[in-house]
Amino acid sequence: MMIRVSAGTAGVLGLARVPMDVAPTTAYLMVGGRCAVNCFFCAQARESLADEQALSRVTWPEYLLGDVCARMRRAELHGELVRCCLQVTASRDHVAHALEVVHSIRASTSLPLDVAILPASLGQVEELVAAGVDHIGFGLDAASERVFRRVKGTHWQRMLSLVEGTAGRFPGHAAIHLIVGLGETEEETVLRALWARDLGVKVGLFAFTPLRGTALAEASPPSLGQYRRMQTALWLISEHGAGYGHFEFGDFQSRPGSLVQIAFPDWLRLLADGRAFETSGCPGCNRPFYNERPGGPMYNFARTLSQMEIQEAISALGFGGG
């Protein structure tokens, strides 16, 4: 059986020579063909004209699954990998194919395993959890129904129900992806992050990346200031218990619903180590250059930030206070 492997992961596993400023600490794999879903921003969307080996800015060449599993085991023993993440497109029999890959990985390695997938039911979620999956990653992507309908489709309530059902029946096993820059307000992103926190659901934050061949190829990515504000809000919500009342929203740079002030105690001090601006999501997931070009701007840092980078990130927020 063949499986797609992200270029960076292939480098870590010794499958290819890949120059890397920062190596991935999670093995990123992908299974399935062109997706049945038609997300406007995705290279794997049903109507996308992007390269079939692409997902976001990353290429995913194919390798033998058995060889990949054996190499992941060696990388685990050498401390080069701390997690595995399987991306699954919604193609024919995608859950069955995902389970087949999960069983192969589980037979080879004890790495925590996440599966980004669109299950049809909680019964399929149960199958994945029973097979040894640590997190089920739901591609919610849009912070609100308004944006979801515009860029993903009409199944908003079904997606929310699956996330809530997974969080309720399998506590600690649900995660969601949120993309900043799809047309949502910053208040909508904060509200969705609070919803996820209250459910016990992990949030992986992404910056919208325009990709050639997709329906949103000509759209603009979010400003660095917008992304830094959302990273800060997510950090305060998920790590420090901030609530809606700690955030003030208004018209910022002609964008209604923008975060204009934070009233959480000592919030600037809580940003001082820079961790708020590192890649968010499951533990050990650093996704180097998934949204970024090596020359920047750097939305998610895949490593510890320097003091200068921390200062620049805080300055990019665009407002003062404490």
C-alpha atoms as a PDB file:
ATOM      1  CA  MET A   1       0.000   0.000   0.000  1.00  0.00           C
ATOM      2  CA  MET A   2       1.230   3.477  -0.873  1.00  0.00           C
ATOM      3  CA  ILE A   3       0.840   6.553   1.313  1.00  0.00           C
ATOM      4  CA  ARG A   4       1.618  10.219   0.809  1.00  0.00           C
ATOM      5  CA  VAL A   5       4.269  11.735   3.072  1.00  0.00           C
ATOM      6  CA  SER A   6       4.886  15.458   3.520  1.00  0.00           C
ATOM      7  CA  ALA A   7       8.192  16.606   2.063  1.00  0.00           C
ATOM      8  CA  GLY A   8       9.537  17.584   5.486  1.00  0.00           C
ATOM      9  CA  THR A   9       8.541  14.256   7.003  1.00  0.00           C
ATOM     10  CA  ALA A  10      10.216  12.446   4.110  1.00  0.00           C
ATOM     11  CA  GLY A  11      13.383  14.325   4.999  1.00  0.00           C
ATOM     12  CA  VAL A  12      13.212  13.329   8.663  1.00  0.00           C
ATOM     13  CA  LEU A  13      12.581   9.696   7.699  1.00  0.00           C
ATOM     14  CA  GLY A  14      15.491   9.616   5.253  1.00  0.00           C
ATOM     15  CA  LEU A  15      13.219   8.995   2.279  1.00  0.00           C
ATOM     16  CA  ALA A  16      14.408  12.134   0.488  1.00  0.00           C
ATOM     17  CA  ARG A  17      17.085  14.806   0.740  1.00  0.00           C
ATOM     18  CA  VAL A  18      15.223  17.897   1.927  1.00  0.00           C
ATOM     19  CA  PRO A  19      16.984  21.065   3.131  1.00  0.00           C
ATOM     20  CA  MET A  20      15.206  22.195   6.308  1.00  0.00           C
ATOM     21  CA  ASP A  21      15.672  25.182   8.590  1.00  0.00           C
ATOM     22  CA  VAL A  22      13.347  23.468  11.081  1.00  0.00           C
ATOM     23  CA  ALA A  23      12.422  19.784  10.961  1.00  0.00           C
ATOM     24  CA  PRO A  24       8.868  18.598  11.683  1.00  0.00           C
ATOM     25  CA  THR A  25       8.476  16.913  15.063  1.00  0.00           C
ATOM     26  CA  THR A  26       5.288  15.199  13.880  1.00  0.00           C
ATOM     27  CA  ALA A  27       5.181  12.750  10.967  1.00  0.00           C
ATOM     28  CA  TYR A  28       2.592  14.100   8.513  1.00  0.00           C
ATOM     29  CA  LEU A  29       0.975  11.472   6.264  1.00  0.00           C
ATOM     30  CA  MET A  30      -1.956  11.655   3.840  1.00  0.00           C
ATOM     31  CA  VAL A  31      -4.331   9.028   2.459  1.00  0.00           C
ATOM     32  CA  GLY A  32      -7.070   9.292  -0.158  1.00  0.00           C
ATOM     33  CA  GLY A  33      -7.496  10.829  -3.589  1.00  0.00           C
ATOM     34  CA  ARG A  34      -9.128  14.064  -4.679  1.00  0.00           C
ATOM     35  CA  CYS A  35     -11.663  15.047  -1.997  1.00  0.00           C
ATOM     36  CA  ALA A  36     -15.413  14.811  -2.481  1.00  0.00           C
ATOM     37  CA  VAL A  37     -15.775  18.056  -0.521  1.00  0.00           C
ATOM     38  CA  ASN A  38     -15.149  21.347  -2.314  1.00  0.00           C
ATOM     39  CA  CYS A  39     -13.530  23.734   0.190  1.00  0.00           C
ATOM     40  CA  PHE A  40     -12.565  26.854  -1.781  1.00  0.00           C
ATOM     41  CA  PHE A  41      -9.140  27.183  -0.135  1.00  0.00           C
ATOM     42  CA  CYS A  42      -7.964  23.564  -0.375  1.00  0.00           C
ATOM     43  CA  ALA A  43      -5.606  22.077  -2.964  1.00  0.00           C
ATOM     44  CA  GLN A  44      -7.378  18.716  -2.586  1.00  0.00           C
ATOM     45  CA  ALA A  45     -10.895  20.123  -3.152  1.00  0.00           C
ATOM     46  CA  ARG A  46     -13.168  18.397  -5.641  1.00  0.00           C
ATOM     47  CA  GLU A  47     -12.900  21.197  -8.235  1.00  0.00           C
ATOM     48  CA  SER A  48      -9.350  22.275  -7.415  1.00  0.00           C
ATOM     49  CA  LEU A  49      -6.868  22.546 -10.285  1.00  0.00           C
ATOM     50  CA  ALA A  50      -3.876  22.391  -7.930  1.00  0.00           C
ATOM     51  CA  ASP A  51      -1.290  19.618  -8.036  1.00  0.00           C
ATOM     52  CA  GLU A  52      -2.771  16.404  -6.616  1.00  0.00           C
ATOM     53  CA  GLN A  53       0.378  15.977  -4.492  1.00  0.00           C
ATOM     54  CA  ALA A  54      -0.222  19.315  -2.754  1.00  0.00           C
ATOM     55  CA  LEU A  55      -1.850  20.259   0.538  1.00  0.00           C
ATOM     56  CA  SER A  56      -1.436  23.887   1.591  1.00  0.00           C
ATOM     57  CA  ARG A  57       2.123  24.890   0.605  1.00  0.00           C
ATOM     58  CA  VAL A  58       3.476  21.358   1.099  1.00  0.00           C
ATOM     59  CA  THR A  59       4.037  18.581  -1.455  1.00  0.00           C
ATOM     60  CA  TRP A  60       3.249  14.984  -0.461  1.00  0.00           C
ATOM     61  CA  PRO A  61       5.061  12.346  -2.574  1.00  0.00           C
ATOM     62  CA  GLU A  62       4.071   8.671  -2.298  1.00  0.00           C
ATOM     63  CA  TYR A  63       6.044   5.922  -0.529  1.00  0.00           C
ATOM     64  CA  LEU A  64       5.379   2.357   0.592  1.00  0.00           C
ATOM     65  CA  LEU A  65       3.436   2.364   3.864  1.00  0.00           C
ATOM     66  CA  GLY A  66       5.482  -0.500   5.343  1.00  0.00           C
ATOM     67  CA  ASP A  67       8.747   1.359   4.754  1.00  0.00           C
ATOM     68  CA  VAL A  68       7.284   4.577   6.162  1.00  0.00           C
ATOM     69  CA  CYS A  69       6.107   2.801   9.337  1.00  0.00           C
ATOM     70  CA  ALA A  70       9.487   1.140   9.879  1.00  0.00           C
ATOM     71  CA  ARG A  71      11.276   4.463   9.467  1.00  0.00           C
ATOM     72  CA  MET A  72       8.851   6.205  11.821  1.00  0.00           C
ATOM     73  CA  ARG A  73       9.686   3.600  14.455  1.00  0.00           C
ATOM     74  CA  ARG A  74      13.404   4.343  14.089  1.00  0.00           C
ATOM     75  CA  ALA A  75      12.761   8.091  14.208  1.00  0.00           C
ATOM     76  CA  GLU A  76      10.675   7.616  17.357  1.00  0.00           C
ATOM     77  CA  LEU A  77      13.471   5.662  19.051  1.00  0.00           C
ATOM     78  CA  HIS A  78      15.970   8.387  18.110  1.00  0.00           C
ATOM     79  CA  GLY A  79      13.737  11.116  19.518  1.00  0.00           C
ATOM     80  CA  GLU A  80      13.203  12.745  16.125  1.00  0.00           C
ATOM     81  CA  LEU A  81       9.409  12.375  16.148  1.00  0.00           C
ATOM     82  CA  VAL A  82       6.920  12.728  18.993  1.00  0.00           C
ATOM     83  CA  ARG A  83       3.609  12.347  17.110  1.00  0.00           C
ATOM     84  CA  CYS A  84       2.044  11.192  13.841  1.00  0.00           C
ATOM     85  CA  CYS A  85      -0.775  12.989  12.033  1.00  0.00           C
ATOM     86  CA  LEU A  86      -2.770  11.368   9.233  1.00  0.00           C
ATOM     87  CA  GLN A  87      -4.620  13.649   6.807  1.00  0.00           C
ATOM     88  CA  VAL A  88      -7.575  11.865   5.184  1.00  0.00           C
ATOM     89  CA  THR A  89      -9.441  13.288   2.190  1.00  0.00           C
ATOM     90  CA  ALA A  90     -13.133  12.487   1.915  1.00  0.00           C
ATOM     91  CA  SER A  91     -12.764  10.106  -1.011  1.00  0.00           C
ATOM     92  CA  ARG A  92     -14.353   6.682  -1.577  1.00  0.00           C
ATOM     93  CA  ASP A  93     -14.262   4.459   1.561  1.00  0.00           C
ATOM     94  CA  HIS A  94     -11.986   6.998   3.244  1.00  0.00           C
ATOM     95  CA  VAL A  95     -12.709   5.881   6.812  1.00  0.00           C
ATOM     96  CA  ALA A  96     -11.973   2.218   5.989  1.00  0.00           C
ATOM     97  CA  HIS A  97      -8.726   3.228   4.288  1.00  0.00           C
ATOM     98  CA  ALA A  98      -7.802   5.412   7.259  1.00  0.00           C
ATOM     99  CA  LEU A  99      -8.406   2.516   9.662  1.00  0.00           C
ATOM    100  CA  GLU A 100      -6.179   0.270   7.573  1.00  0.00           C
ATOM    101  CA  VAL A 101      -3.364   2.810   7.806  1.00  0.00           C
ATOM    102  CA  VAL A 102      -3.990   3.349  11.525  1.00  0.00           C
ATOM    103  CA  HIS A 103      -3.640  -0.381  12.212  1.00  0.00           C
ATOM    104  CA  SER A 104      -0.351  -0.487  10.268  1.00  0.00           C
ATOM    105  CA  ILE A 105       1.038   2.499  12.175  1.00  0.00           C
ATOM    106  CA  ARG A 106      -0.102   1.092  15.509  1.00  0.00           C
ATOM    107  CA  ALA A 107       1.642  -2.216  14.739  1.00  0.00           C
ATOM    108  CA  SER A 108       4.931  -0.362  14.224  1.00  0.00           C
ATOM    109  CA  THR A 109       5.072   2.595  16.586  1.00  0.00           C
ATOM    110  CA  SER A 110       3.673   3.904  19.853  1.00  0.00           C
ATOM    111  CA  LEU A 111       3.691   7.536  18.682  1.00  0.00           C
ATOM    112  CA  PRO A 112       0.489   9.407  19.595  1.00  0.00           C
ATOM    113  CA  LEU A 113      -1.612   9.351  16.443  1.00  0.00           C
ATOM    114  CA  ASP A 114      -4.011  12.014  15.215  1.00  0.00           C
ATOM    115  CA  VAL A 115      -6.360  11.624  12.254  1.00  0.00           C
ATOM    116  CA  ALA A 116      -7.751  14.670  10.432  1.00  0.00           C
ATOM    117  CA  ILE A 117     -10.894  13.245   8.875  1.00  0.00           C
ATOM    118  CA  LEU A 118     -14.582  13.846   8.157  1.00  0.00           C
ATOM    119  CA  PRO A 119     -16.406  10.865   9.708  1.00  0.00           C
ATOM    120  CA  ALA A 120     -20.013  10.196   8.772  1.00  0.00           C
ATOM    121  CA  SER A 121     -21.101   9.296  12.300  1.00  0.00           C
ATOM    122  CA  LEU A 122     -20.037   8.903  15.916  1.00  0.00           C
ATOM    123  CA  GLY A 123     -19.870   5.170  15.195  1.00  0.00           C
ATOM    124  CA  GLN A 124     -16.955   5.818  12.852  1.00  0.00           C
ATOM    125  CA  VAL A 125     -15.359   8.065  15.469  1.00  0.00           C
ATOM    126  CA  GLU A 126     -15.646   5.177  17.934  1.00  0.00           C
ATOM    127  CA  GLU A 127     -13.911   2.848  15.469  1.00  0.00           C
ATOM    128  CA  LEU A 128     -11.015   5.269  15.116  1.00  0.00           C
ATOM    129  CA  VAL A 129     -10.636   5.812  18.857  1.00  0.00           C
ATOM    130  CA  ALA A 130     -10.815   2.042  19.473  1.00  0.00           C
ATOM    131  CA  ALA A 131      -8.044   1.564  16.886  1.00  0.00           C
ATOM    132  CA  GLY A 132      -5.740   3.799  18.927  1.00  0.00           C
ATOM    133  CA  VAL A 133      -6.302   7.305  17.557  1.00  0.00           C
ATOM    134  CA  ASP A 134      -5.398  10.043  20.031  1.00  0.00           C
ATOM    135  CA  HIS A 135      -7.277  12.945  18.427  1.00  0.00           C
ATOM    136  CA  ILE A 136      -9.922  13.143  15.716  1.00  0.00           C
ATOM    137  CA  GLY A 137      -9.194  16.395  13.886  1.00  0.00           C
ATOM    138  CA  PHE A 138     -12.265  18.054  12.405  1.00  0.00           C
ATOM    139  CA  GLY A 139     -11.685  20.555   9.600  1.00  0.00           C
ATOM    140  CA  LEU A 140     -14.213  23.075  10.839  1.00  0.00           C
ATOM    141  CA  ASP A 141     -11.907  25.777   9.415  1.00  0.00           C
ATOM    142  CA  ALA A 142     -14.529  28.551   9.429  1.00  0.00           C
ATOM    143  CA  ALA A 143     -15.261  30.320  12.702  1.00  0.00           C
ATOM    144  CA  SER A 144     -18.908  31.008  11.840  1.00  0.00           C
ATOM    145  CA  GLU A 145     -21.753  29.532   9.805  1.00  0.00           C
ATOM    146  CA  ARG A 146     -21.716  32.608   7.563  1.00  0.00           C
ATOM    147  CA  VAL A 147     -18.131  31.936   6.473  1.00  0.00           C
ATOM    148  CA  PHE A 148     -18.553  28.151   6.436  1.00  0.00           C
ATOM    149  CA  ARG A 149     -21.402  28.372   3.938  1.00  0.00           C
ATOM    150  CA  ARG A 150     -19.401  30.666   1.682  1.00  0.00           C
ATOM    151  CA  VAL A 151     -16.179  28.628   1.505  1.00  0.00           C
ATOM    152  CA  LYS A 152     -17.100  25.049   2.520  1.00  0.00           C
ATOM    153  CA  GLY A 153     -20.784  24.256   2.027  1.00  0.00           C
ATOM    154  CA  THR A 154     -24.024  23.705   3.890  1.00  0.00           C
ATOM    155  CA  HIS A 155     -23.187  21.084   6.526  1.00  0.00           C
ATOM    156  CA  TRP A 156     -22.385  23.473   9.388  1.00  0.00           C
ATOM    157  CA  GLN A 157     -24.787  22.001  11.954  1.00  0.00           C
ATOM    158  CA  ARG A 158     -23.744  18.459  11.098  1.00  0.00           C
ATOM    159  CA  MET A 159     -20.101  19.378  11.676  1.00  0.00           C
ATOM    160  CA  LEU A 160     -20.842  21.065  15.002  1.00  0.00           C
ATOM    161  CA  SER A 161     -22.876  18.057  16.117  1.00  0.00           C
ATOM    162  CA  LEU A 162     -20.022  15.670  15.269  1.00  0.00           C
ATOM    163  CA  VAL A 163     -17.510  17.776  17.198  1.00  0.00           C
ATOM    164  CA  GLU A 164     -19.807  18.135  20.197  1.00  0.00           C
ATOM    165  CA  GLY A 165     -20.741  14.454  20.101  1.00  0.00           C
ATOM    166  CA  THR A 166     -17.100  13.379  19.934  1.00  0.00           C
ATOM    167  CA  ALA A 167     -16.165  15.697  22.792  1.00  0.00           C
ATOM    168  CA  GLY A 168     -19.017  14.345  24.904  1.00  0.00           C
ATOM    169  CA  ARG A 169     -18.585  10.610  24.243  1.00  0.00           C
ATOM    170  CA  PHE A 170     -14.796  10.552  23.913  1.00  0.00           C
ATOM    171  CA  PRO A 171     -13.431  13.312  26.165  1.00  0.00           C
ATOM    172  CA  GLY A 172      -9.993  14.571  25.147  1.00  0.00           C
ATOM    173  CA  HIS A 173     -10.161  13.014  21.686  1.00  0.00           C
ATOM    174  CA  ALA A 174     -11.593  15.920  19.663  1.00  0.00           C
ATOM    175  CA  ALA A 175      -9.672  18.681  17.909  1.00  0.00           C
ATOM    176  CA  ILE A 176     -10.641  21.319  15.357  1.00  0.00           C
ATOM    177  CA  HIS A 177      -8.806  23.403  12.777  1.00  0.00           C
ATOM    178  CA  LEU A 178      -9.600  27.111  12.515  1.00  0.00           C
ATOM    179  CA  ILE A 179      -8.321  29.221   9.623  1.00  0.00           C
ATOM    180  CA  VAL A 180      -7.806  32.946  10.140  1.00  0.00           C
ATOM    181  CA  GLY A 181      -8.425  35.105   7.076  1.00  0.00           C
ATOM    182  CA  LEU A 182     -11.461  33.501   5.410  1.00  0.00           C
ATOM    183  CA  GLY A 183     -13.624  36.575   5.983  1.00  0.00           C
ATOM    184  CA  GLU A 184     -14.589  36.000   9.603  1.00  0.00           C
ATOM    185  CA  THR A 185     -14.450  38.725  12.225  1.00  0.00           C
ATOM    186  CA  GLU A 186     -11.964  38.428  15.044  1.00  0.00           C
ATOM    187  CA  GLU A 187     -14.882  38.278  17.477  1.00  0.00           C
ATOM    188  CA  GLU A 188     -16.224  35.217  15.639  1.00  0.00           C
ATOM    189  CA  THR A 189     -12.853  33.474  15.999  1.00  0.00           C
ATOM    190  CA  VAL A 190     -12.715  34.258  19.716  1.00  0.00           C
ATOM    191  CA  LEU A 191     -16.256  32.950  20.216  1.00  0.00           C
ATOM    192  CA  ARG A 192     -15.380  29.723  18.395  1.00  0.00           C
ATOM    193  CA  ALA A 193     -12.219  29.303  20.479  1.00  0.00           C
ATOM    194  CA  LEU A 194     -14.275  29.732  23.659  1.00  0.00           C
ATOM    195  CA  TRP A 195     -16.811  27.163  22.402  1.00  0.00           C
ATOM    196  CA  ALA A 196     -13.987  24.691  21.762  1.00  0.00           C
ATOM    197  CA  ARG A 197     -12.338  25.308  25.149  1.00  0.00           C
ATOM    198  CA  ASP A 198     -15.610  24.758  26.982  1.00  0.00           C
ATOM    199  CA  LEU A 199     -16.053  21.434  25.157  1.00  0.00           C
ATOM    200  CA  GLY A 200     -12.497  20.327  25.937  1.00  0.00           C
ATOM    201  CA  VAL A 201     -11.594  20.473  22.242  1.00  0.00           C
ATOM    202  CA  LYS A 202      -8.077  21.369  21.081  1.00  0.00           C
ATOM    203  CA  VAL A 203      -7.699  24.112  18.474  1.00  0.00           C
ATOM    204  CA  GLY A 204      -5.093  24.204  15.731  1.00  0.00           C
ATOM    205  CA  LEU A 205      -4.866  27.724  14.319  1.00  0.00           C
ATOM    206  CA  PHE A 206      -3.925  28.235  10.664  1.00  0.00           C
ATOM    207  CA  ALA A 207      -3.454  31.291   8.453  1.00  0.00           C
ATOM    208  CA  PHE A 208      -5.362  31.292   5.174  1.00  0.00           C
ATOM    209  CA  THR A 209      -2.887  30.581   2.370  1.00  0.00           C
ATOM    210  CA  PRO A 210      -3.901  31.436  -1.214  1.00  0.00           C
ATOM    211  CA  LEU A 211      -2.964  28.532  -3.485  1.00  0.00           C
ATOM    212  CA  ARG A 212      -2.732  28.456  -7.254  1.00  0.00           C
ATOM    213  CA  GLY A 213      -5.530  26.325  -8.740  1.00  0.00           C
ATOM    214  CA  THR A 214      -8.005  26.867  -5.893  1.00  0.00           C
ATOM    215  CA  ALA A 215     -11.134  29.025  -5.906  1.00  0.00           C
ATOM    216  CA  LEU A 216      -9.520  31.513  -3.484  1.00  0.00           C
ATOM    217  CA  ALA A 217      -6.207  31.712  -5.334  1.00  0.00           C
ATOM    218  CA  GLU A 218      -6.503  35.489  -5.746  1.00  0.00           C
ATOM    219  CA  ALA A 219      -7.638  36.235  -2.178  1.00  0.00           C
ATOM    220  CA  SER A 220      -5.289  37.815   0.359  1.00  0.00           C
ATOM    221  CA  PRO A 221      -3.875  36.113   3.445  1.00  0.00           C
ATOM    222  CA  PRO A 222      -4.597  37.684   6.846  1.00  0.00           C
ATOM    223  CA  SER A 223      -2.475  40.547   8.072  1.00  0.00           C
ATOM    224  CA  LEU A 224       0.175  39.586  10.585  1.00  0.00           C
ATOM    225  CA  GLY A 225      -1.549  41.826  13.139  1.00  0.00           C
ATOM    226  CA  GLN A 226      -4.853  39.991  12.755  1.00  0.00           C
ATOM    227  CA  TYR A 227      -3.149  36.634  13.129  1.00  0.00           C
ATOM    228  CA  ARG A 228      -1.133  37.736  16.190  1.00  0.00           C
ATOM    229  CA  ARG A 229      -4.301  38.976  17.885  1.00  0.00           C
ATOM    230  CA  MET A 230      -5.991  35.621  17.307  1.00  0.00           C
ATOM    231  CA  GLN A 231      -2.937  33.693  18.530  1.00  0.00           C
ATOM    232  CA  THR A 232      -2.930  35.833  21.671  1.00  0.00           C
ATOM    233  CA  ALA A 233      -6.650  35.355  22.287  1.00  0.00           C
ATOM    234  CA  LEU A 234      -6.418  31.596  21.749  1.00  0.00           C
ATOM    235  CA  TRP A 235      -3.442  31.361  24.126  1.00  0.00           C
ATOM    236  CA  LEU A 236      -5.221  33.294  26.874  1.00  0.00           C
ATOM    237  CA  ILE A 237      -8.410  31.243  26.391  1.00  0.00           C
ATOM    238  CA  SER A 238      -6.890  27.768  26.148  1.00  0.00           C
ATOM    239  CA  GLU A 239      -3.970  28.126  28.543  1.00  0.00           C
ATOM    240  CA  HIS A 240      -5.073  30.744  31.060  1.00  0.00           C
ATOM    241  CA  GLY A 241      -8.873  30.562  31.256  1.00  0.00           C
ATOM    242  CA  ALA A 242      -9.766  33.908  29.703  1.00  0.00           C
ATOM    243  CA  GLY A 243     -13.459  34.497  28.996  1.00  0.00           C
ATOM    244  CA  TYR A 244     -15.425  36.623  26.561  1.00  0.00           C
ATOM    245  CA  GLY A 245     -15.505  39.539  29.000  1.00  0.00           C
ATOM    246  CA  HIS A 246     -11.718  39.827  28.857  1.00  0.00           C
ATOM    247  CA  PHE A 247     -11.839  40.928  25.230  1.00  0.00           C
ATOM    248  CA  GLU A 248     -13.141  44.186  23.768  1.00  0.00           C
ATOM    249  CA  PHE A 249     -14.206  44.341  20.135  1.00  0.00           C
ATOM    250  CA  GLY A 250     -14.732  47.287  17.828  1.00  0.00           C
ATOM    251  CA  ASP A 251     -13.775  48.832  14.504  1.00  0.00           C
ATOM    252  CA  PHE A 252     -10.006  48.424  14.010  1.00  0.00           C
ATOM    253  CA  GLN A 253      -8.448  49.595  10.739  1.00  0.00           C
ATOM    254  CA  SER A 254     -11.949  49.618   9.159  1.00  0.00           C
ATOM    255  CA  ARG A 255     -12.634  46.020  10.238  1.00  0.00           C
ATOM    256  CA  PRO A 256     -15.747  45.758  12.459  1.00  0.00           C
ATOM    257  CA  GLY A 257     -15.611  43.020  15.085  1.00  0.00           C
ATOM    258  CA  SER A 258     -11.864  43.390  15.564  1.00  0.00           C
ATOM    259  CA  LEU A 259     -10.148  42.770  18.875  1.00  0.00           C
ATOM    260  CA  VAL A 260      -9.215  46.264  20.101  1.00  0.00           C
ATOM    261  CA  GLN A 261      -8.294  45.678  23.735  1.00  0.00           C
ATOM    262  CA  ILE A 262      -7.558  42.904  26.232  1.00  0.00           C
ATOM    263  CA  ALA A 263      -8.526  43.192  29.903  1.00  0.00           C
ATOM    264  CA  PHE A 264      -7.055  39.906  31.149  1.00  0.00           C
ATOM    265  CA  PRO A 265      -4.728  40.342  34.168  1.00  0.00           C
ATOM    266  CA  ASP A 266      -1.010  40.532  33.260  1.00  0.00           C
ATOM    267  CA  TRP A 267      -1.704  39.404  29.700  1.00  0.00           C
ATOM    268  CA  LEU A 268       1.452  40.999  28.310  1.00  0.00           C
ATOM    269  CA  ARG A 269       3.557  39.095  30.842  1.00  0.00           C
ATOM    270  CA  LEU A 270       1.882  35.861  29.716  1.00  0.00           C
ATOM    271  CA  LEU A 271       3.176  36.496  26.185  1.00  0.00           C
ATOM    272  CA  ALA A 272       6.749  37.136  27.281  1.00  0.00           C
ATOM    273  CA  ASP A 273       8.045  33.609  26.585  1.00  0.00           C
ATOM    274  CA  GLY A 274       6.720  33.661  23.004  1.00  0.00           C
ATOM    275  CA  ARG A 275       4.864  30.362  23.251  1.00  0.00           C
ATOM    276  CA  ALA A 276       1.601  32.002  22.192  1.00  0.00           C
ATOM    277  CA  PHE A 277       3.097  32.532  18.739  1.00  0.00           C
ATOM    278  CA  GLU A 278       4.367  29.002  18.217  1.00  0.00           C
ATOM    279  CA  THR A 279       2.314  26.487  16.218  1.00  0.00           C
ATOM    280  CA  SER A 280      -0.910  25.621  18.062  1.00  0.00           C
ATOM    281  CA  GLY A 281      -2.773  22.337  18.079  1.00  0.00           C
ATOM    282  CA  CYS A 282      -1.899  18.864  19.310  1.00  0.00           C
ATOM    283  CA  PRO A 283       1.269  18.508  21.438  1.00  0.00           C
ATOM    284  CA  GLY A 284       4.383  18.142  19.283  1.00  0.00           C
ATOM    285  CA  CYS A 285       2.746  19.453  16.099  1.00  0.00           C
ATOM    286  CA  ASN A 286       4.974  22.216  14.725  1.00  0.00           C
ATOM    287  CA  ARG A 287       3.971  22.171  10.983  1.00  0.00           C
ATOM    288  CA  PRO A 288       7.071  24.017   9.678  1.00  0.00           C
ATOM    289  CA  PHE A 289       6.271  26.301   6.727  1.00  0.00           C
ATOM    290  CA  TYR A 290       2.792  24.863   6.261  1.00  0.00           C
ATOM    291  CA  ASN A 291       1.434  28.412   5.953  1.00  0.00           C
ATOM    292  CA  GLU A 292       4.704  30.275   5.496  1.00  0.00           C
ATOM    293  CA  ARG A 293       7.453  30.848   2.996  1.00  0.00           C
ATOM    294  CA  PRO A 294      10.978  30.587   4.460  1.00  0.00           C
ATOM    295  CA  GLY A 295      11.388  34.339   3.945  1.00  0.00           C
ATOM    296  CA  GLY A 296       8.214  35.094   5.921  1.00  0.00           C
ATOM    297  CA  PRO A 297       5.977  36.444   7.162  1.00  0.00           C
ATOM    298  CA  MET A 298       6.088  33.819   9.878  1.00  0.00           C
ATOM    299  CA  TYR A 299       2.553  33.188  11.112  1.00  0.00           C
ATOM    300  CA  ASN A 300       3.298  30.061  13.192  1.00  0.00           C
ATOM    301  CA  PHE A 301       6.777  29.588  14.614  1.00  0.00           C
ATOM    302  CA  ALA A 302       7.875  25.944  14.463  1.00  0.00           C
ATOM    303  CA  ARG A 303      10.548  26.554  17.094  1.00  0.00           C
ATOM    304  CA  THR A 304      11.275  28.702  20.151  1.00  0.00           C
ATOM    305  CA  LEU A 305      11.237  32.411  19.326  1.00  0.00           C
ATOM    306  CA  SER A 306      14.160  34.760  19.908  1.00  0.00           C
ATOM    307  CA  GLN A 307      13.652  37.786  22.162  1.00  0.00           C
ATOM    308  CA  MET A 308      13.561  40.045  19.115  1.00  0.00           C
ATOM    309  CA  GLU A 309      10.908  37.856  17.478  1.00  0.00           C
ATOM    310  CA  ILE A 310       8.808  37.950  20.653  1.00  0.00           C
ATOM    311  CA  GLN A 311       8.999  41.741  20.765  1.00  0.00           C
ATOM    312  CA  GLU A 312       8.061  41.989  17.081  1.00  0.00           C
ATOM    313  CA  ALA A 313       5.119  39.606  17.579  1.00  0.00           C
ATOM    314  CA  ILE A 314       3.753  41.641  20.482  1.00  0.00           C
ATOM    315  CA  SER A 315       4.252  44.900  18.574  1.00  0.00           C
ATOM    316  CA  ALA A 316       2.297  43.445  15.639  1.00  0.00           C
ATOM    317  CA  LEU A 317      -0.823  43.206  17.842  1.00  0.00           C
ATOM    318  CA  GLY A 318      -1.407  46.872  17.055  1.00  0.00           C
ATOM    319  CA  PHE A 319      -2.735  48.019  20.409  1.00  0.00           C
ATOM    320  CA  GLY A 320      -1.344  48.632  23.875  1.00  0.00           C
ATOM    321  CA  GLY A 321      -2.655  48.137  27.351  1.00  0.00           C
ATOM    322  CA  GLY A 322      -2.507  45.394  29.898  1.00  0.00           C
END
